[in-house]
Protein backbone atom coordinates (compact mmCIF):
# COMPACT_ATOMS: atom_id res chain seq x y z
CA MET A 1 -4.53 6.80 5.23
CA LYS A 2 -1.42 5.00 6.31
CA ASN A 3 -3.15 2.90 8.95
CA LEU A 4 -5.81 2.06 6.56
CA VAL A 5 -3.72 0.82 3.79
CA GLU A 6 -1.80 -1.32 6.19
CA ASN A 7 -4.90 -2.67 7.88
CA ILE A 8 -6.24 -3.64 4.07
CA VAL A 9 -2.80 -4.96 2.96
CA CYS A 10 -2.32 -7.12 5.94
CA SER A 11 -6.01 -8.81 5.67
CA LEU A 12 -4.72 -9.95 2.28
CA VAL A 13 -1.50 -11.36 2.69
CA ASP A 14 -0.11 -14.79 4.39
CA SER A 15 2.62 -12.97 6.30
CA PRO A 16 0.85 -10.15 7.82
CA ASP A 17 3.99 -9.82 9.99
CA GLN A 18 6.42 -8.84 7.16
CA VAL A 19 4.14 -5.82 5.62
CA ILE A 20 5.55 -2.77 5.92
CA VAL A 21 3.97 0.86 4.95
CA ALA A 22 5.97 3.72 4.94
CA GLU A 23 4.28 7.12 4.57
CA THR A 24 5.74 10.54 2.88
CA ALA A 25 4.44 13.35 3.09
CA GLY A 26 5.47 16.28 0.22
CA GLU A 27 3.48 19.74 0.05
CA SER A 28 0.92 18.13 -2.01
CA VAL A 29 1.37 14.90 -2.43
CA THR A 30 1.86 11.79 -0.02
CA VAL A 31 3.50 8.90 -1.26
CA LEU A 32 2.42 5.16 0.87
CA GLU A 33 5.32 2.85 0.03
CA ILE A 34 3.92 -0.75 0.46
CA ARG A 35 6.41 -3.72 1.17
CA VAL A 36 5.38 -7.11 1.47
CA ALA A 37 6.81 -10.53 1.50
CA PRO A 38 7.84 -11.83 -2.26
CA ASP A 39 5.29 -14.54 -2.15
CA ASP A 40 2.64 -12.11 -1.05
CA VAL A 41 3.46 -9.66 -3.91
CA GLY A 42 0.93 -11.13 -6.05
CA LYS A 43 -1.63 -10.93 -3.51
CA VAL A 44 -1.69 -7.29 -3.11
CA ILE A 45 -1.61 -6.63 -6.78
CA GLY A 46 -4.33 -9.44 -8.00
CA LYS A 47 -5.40 -10.48 -11.33
CA GLU A 48 -4.45 -7.53 -14.11
CA GLY A 49 -3.75 -5.03 -10.82
CA ARG A 50 -7.46 -4.85 -9.62
CA ILE A 51 -6.73 -5.39 -5.88
CA ALA A 52 -3.59 -3.01 -6.27
CA ASN A 53 -6.00 -0.36 -7.99
CA ALA A 54 -8.71 -0.99 -5.53
CA ILE A 55 -6.48 -0.14 -2.48
CA ARG A 56 -5.37 3.11 -4.49
CA THR A 57 -8.80 4.29 -4.82
CA VAL A 58 -9.66 3.81 -1.45
CA ALA A 59 -6.35 5.55 -0.56
CA LYS A 60 -7.16 8.37 -2.80
CA ALA A 61 -10.84 8.78 -1.22
CA ALA A 62 -9.78 9.15 2.00
CA ALA A 63 -6.73 11.68 0.97
CA ALA A 64 -9.41 13.63 -0.72
CA LYS A 65 -11.30 14.13 2.72
CA ASN A 66 -7.74 15.90 3.59
CA ASN A 67 -7.85 17.85 0.23
CA ARG A 68 -4.49 15.84 -0.32
CA ARG A 69 -3.12 13.87 -3.30
CA VAL A 70 -1.87 10.29 -2.65
CA THR A 71 0.15 7.94 -4.72
CA VAL A 72 0.54 4.03 -3.70
CA GLU A 73 3.62 1.72 -4.58
CA ILE A 74 3.69 -1.68 -4.05
CA MET A 75 7.31 -3.29 -3.48
CA THR A 76 8.90 -6.46 -2.46
CA ASN A 77 10.45 -6.76 1.31
CA GLU A 78 13.62 -8.07 0.46
CA LYS A 79 15.95 -8.89 3.05
CA VAL A 80 19.48 -7.63 2.31
CA THR A 81 22.60 -9.61 3.33
């Protein structure tokens, strides 16, 4: 699932080198945390959240094949100084 979501997000953004997808697996739920450059957040979310919902739908379909549940979170990848 992680590689699938990472490929989708990298194809959407202008800075694919700043895309980070972290996967945290729990007992029944897997959390995918997507971090992108601040300028690319809008491209990943889309108008009225349509692209974000599509990414979540694809991730949930992939998780269902493995009898898992998945949650997708989108965040900015801000540099900490």
